[in-house]
C-alpha atoms as a PDB file:
ATOM      1  CA  MET A   1      13.079  -8.566 110.926  1.00  0.00           C
ATOM      2  CA  ASP A   2      11.898  -4.999 110.846  1.00  0.00           C
ATOM      3  CA  SER A   3      10.382  -3.922 107.514  1.00  0.00           C
ATOM      4  CA  SER A   4      11.747  -0.376 107.808  1.00  0.00           C
ATOM      5  CA  VAL A   5      15.335  -1.632 107.882  1.00  0.00           C
ATOM      6  CA  CYS A   6      15.146  -4.055 104.951  1.00  0.00           C
ATOM      7  CA  PRO A   7      13.025  -2.718 102.067  1.00  0.00           C
ATOM      8  CA  THR A   8      10.782  -5.120 100.247  1.00  0.00           C
ATOM      9  CA  LYS A   9      10.711  -5.650  96.491  1.00  0.00           C
ATOM     10  CA  LEU A  10       7.756  -3.295  96.149  1.00  0.00           C
ATOM     11  CA  GLN A  11       9.562  -0.563  98.062  1.00  0.00           C
ATOM     12  CA  MET A  12      12.727  -1.163  96.024  1.00  0.00           C
ATOM     13  CA  ARG A  13      10.713  -0.885  92.811  1.00  0.00           C
ATOM     14  CA  LYS A  14       9.188   2.428  93.997  1.00  0.00           C
ATOM     15  CA  ILE A  15      12.628   3.748  94.910  1.00  0.00           C
ATOM     16  CA  TYR A  16      14.003   2.674  91.515  1.00  0.00           C
ATOM     17  CA  LYS A  17      11.079   4.296  89.648  1.00  0.00           C
ATOM     18  CA  ARG A  18      11.556   7.502  91.604  1.00  0.00           C
ATOM     19  CA  ARG A  19      15.287   7.556  90.793  1.00  0.00           C
ATOM     20  CA  VAL A  20      14.605   6.942  87.084  1.00  0.00           C
ATOM     21  CA  TYR A  21      11.941   9.661  87.133  1.00  0.00           C
ATOM     22  CA  TYR A  22      14.331  12.180  88.712  1.00  0.00           C
ATOM     23  CA  PHE A  23      17.120  11.160  86.338  1.00  0.00           C
ATOM     24  CA  PHE A  24      14.957  11.791  83.249  1.00  0.00           C
ATOM     25  CA  LEU A  25      13.651  15.013  84.751  1.00  0.00           C
ATOM     26  CA  ALA A  26      17.222  16.199  85.365  1.00  0.00           C
ATOM     27  CA  LEU A  27      18.185  15.120  81.839  1.00  0.00           C
ATOM     28  CA  ILE A  28      15.283  17.052  80.301  1.00  0.00           C
ATOM     29  CA  LEU A  29      16.134  20.142  82.367  1.00  0.00           C
ATOM     30  CA  PHE A  30      19.778  19.856  81.319  1.00  0.00           C
ATOM     31  CA  VAL A  31      18.807  19.661  77.623  1.00  0.00           C
ATOM     32  CA  CYS A  32      16.521  22.694  78.045  1.00  0.00           C
ATOM     33  CA  LEU A  33      19.325  24.624  79.751  1.00  0.00           C
ATOM     34  CA  LEU A  34      21.734  23.638  76.990  1.00  0.00           C
ATOM     35  CA  GLN A  35      19.310  24.802  74.291  1.00  0.00           C
ATOM     36  CA  PHE A  36      18.766  28.082  76.132  1.00  0.00           C
ATOM     37  CA  LEU A  37      22.512  28.715  76.406  1.00  0.00           C
ATOM     38  CA  CYS A  38      23.159  27.836  72.746  1.00  0.00           C
ATOM     39  CA  GLY A  39      20.270  30.048  71.644  1.00  0.00           C
ATOM     40  CA  SER A  40      21.522  32.909  73.798  1.00  0.00           C
ATOM     41  CA  LEU A  41      25.030  32.570  72.406  1.00  0.00           C
ATOM     42  CA  TYR A  42      23.693  32.504  68.840  1.00  0.00           C
ATOM     43  CA  ASN A  43      21.546  35.586  69.464  1.00  0.00           C
ATOM     44  CA  PHE A  44      24.452  37.414  71.107  1.00  0.00           C
ATOM     45  CA  THR A  45      26.776  36.771  68.163  1.00  0.00           C
ATOM     46  CA  ARG A  46      23.977  37.742  65.770  1.00  0.00           C
ATOM     47  CA  TYR A  47      23.499  40.959  67.788  1.00  0.00           C
ATOM     48  CA  ILE A  48      27.204  41.785  67.449  1.00  0.00           C
ATOM     49  CA  VAL A  49      27.216  41.122  63.686  1.00  0.00           C
ATOM     50  CA  LEU A  50      24.064  43.164  63.089  1.00  0.00           C
ATOM     51  CA  ASN A  51      25.363  45.992  65.293  1.00  0.00           C
ATOM     52  CA  ASN A  52      28.566  46.133  63.210  1.00  0.00           C
ATOM     53  CA  GLN A  53      26.504  46.196  60.016  1.00  0.00           C
ATOM     54  CA  ILE A  54      24.385  49.037  61.419  1.00  0.00           C
ATOM     55  CA  ASN A  55      27.504  51.050  62.265  1.00  0.00           C
ATOM     56  CA  THR A  56      28.934  50.483  58.779  1.00  0.00           C
ATOM     57  CA  LEU A  57      25.680  51.493  57.106  1.00  0.00           C
ATOM     58  CA  GLN A  58      25.415  54.609  59.288  1.00  0.00           C
ATOM     59  CA  GLN A  59      28.917  55.655  58.236  1.00  0.00           C
ATOM     60  CA  LEU A  60      28.052  55.078  54.576  1.00  0.00           C
ATOM     61  CA  ASN A  61      24.849  57.073  55.032  1.00  0.00           C
ATOM     62  CA  GLU A  62      26.729  59.989  56.608  1.00  0.00           C
ATOM     63  CA  SER A  63      29.283  60.074  53.775  1.00  0.00           C
ATOM     64  CA  ALA A  64      26.477  59.879  51.189  1.00  0.00           C
ATOM     65  CA  GLN A  65      24.666  62.769  52.895  1.00  0.00           C
ATOM     66  CA  LYS A  66      27.849  64.871  52.819  1.00  0.00           C
ATOM     67  CA  LYS A  67      28.360  64.094  49.131  1.00  0.00           C
ATOM     68  CA  ASN A  68      24.699  64.901  48.454  1.00  0.00           C
ATOM     69  CA  GLN A  69      25.078  68.252  50.209  1.00  0.00           C
ATOM     70  CA  GLN A  70      28.166  69.045  48.113  1.00  0.00           C
ATOM     71  CA  LEU A  71      26.282  68.175  44.933  1.00  0.00           C
ATOM     72  CA  LYS A  72      23.363  70.395  45.985  1.00  0.00           C
ATOM     73  CA  THR A  73      25.795  73.259  46.532  1.00  0.00           C
ATOM     74  CA  GLN A  74      27.368  72.695  43.103  1.00  0.00           C
ATOM     75  CA  LEU A  75      23.916  72.535  41.545  1.00  0.00           C
ATOM     76  CA  LYS A  76      23.044  75.929  43.034  1.00  0.00           C
ATOM     77  CA  VAL A  77      26.306  77.401  41.742  1.00  0.00           C
ATOM     78  CA  TYR A  78      25.977  75.968  38.239  1.00  0.00           C
ATOM     79  CA  SER A  79      22.287  76.810  37.982  1.00  0.00           C
ATOM     80  CA  SER A  80      23.036  80.522  37.980  1.00  0.00           C
ATOM     81  CA  TYR A  81      24.179  82.384  34.867  1.00  0.00           C
ATOM     82  CA  LYS A  82      27.607  83.141  36.348  1.00  0.00           C
ATOM     83  CA  GLY A  83      28.099  79.485  37.246  1.00  0.00           C
ATOM     84  CA  ILE A  84      27.283  78.350  33.716  1.00  0.00           C
ATOM     85  CA  GLU A  85      29.624  80.983  32.308  1.00  0.00           C
ATOM     86  CA  GLU A  86      32.431  79.876  34.633  1.00  0.00           C
ATOM     87  CA  LEU A  87      31.872  76.235  33.695  1.00  0.00           C
ATOM     88  CA  ALA A  88      31.976  77.092  29.981  1.00  0.00           C
ATOM     89  CA  ARG A  89      35.143  79.152  30.362  1.00  0.00           C
ATOM     90  CA  ASN A  90      37.004  76.509  32.369  1.00  0.00           C
ATOM     91  CA  ASN A  91      35.943  73.311  30.635  1.00  0.00           C
ATOM     92  CA  LEU A  92      34.998  74.331  27.102  1.00  0.00           C
ATOM     93  CA  LYS A  93      37.571  77.136  26.682  1.00  0.00           C
ATOM     94  CA  LEU A  94      34.923  79.634  25.632  1.00  0.00           C
ATOM     95  CA  VAL A  95      35.606  83.359  25.638  1.00  0.00           C
ATOM     96  CA  GLY A  96      33.382  86.363  26.078  1.00  0.00           C
ATOM     97  CA  LYS A  97      33.121  89.504  23.954  1.00  0.00           C
ATOM     98  CA  ASP A  98      36.331  91.496  23.629  1.00  0.00           C
ATOM     99  CA  GLU A  99      38.417  88.659  25.144  1.00  0.00           C
ATOM    100  CA  VAL A 100      41.359  86.768  23.691  1.00  0.00           C
ATOM    101  CA  LEU A 101      41.992  83.110  24.589  1.00  0.00           C
ATOM    102  CA  VAL A 102      45.640  82.196  25.109  1.00  0.00           C
ATOM    103  CA  LEU A 103      46.475  78.496  25.578  1.00  0.00           C
ATOM    104  CA  ILE A 104      49.844  77.513  27.009  1.00  0.00           C
ATOM    105  CA  LYS A 105      50.879  73.891  26.577  1.00  0.00           C
ATOM    106  CA  ASN A 106      52.610  72.202  29.455  1.00  0.00           C
ATOM    107  CA  ARG A 107      55.629  70.121  28.510  1.00  0.00           C
END
């Protein structure tokens, strides 16, 4: 019998070891690929969540800046003498010299 046609036990053992080696190598590569894909998916969802939070915070920041600008404008108006006088007349019902205050009640 020709030895190349019918493998011996030693050759069969080498073939079996090689197959087991390649199987474990493929298994390890598959696990690495699976971890990479899961990590990528987690990072992608985290990116989306953080991007939404950034957009929300930017909108809040813009509205706060607008409100701050309005308050600065009011501060300039009420810091002047005329602004203080207007505030006193409207809110505290104060009158100036030679003026008469008339209050009309709404029913």
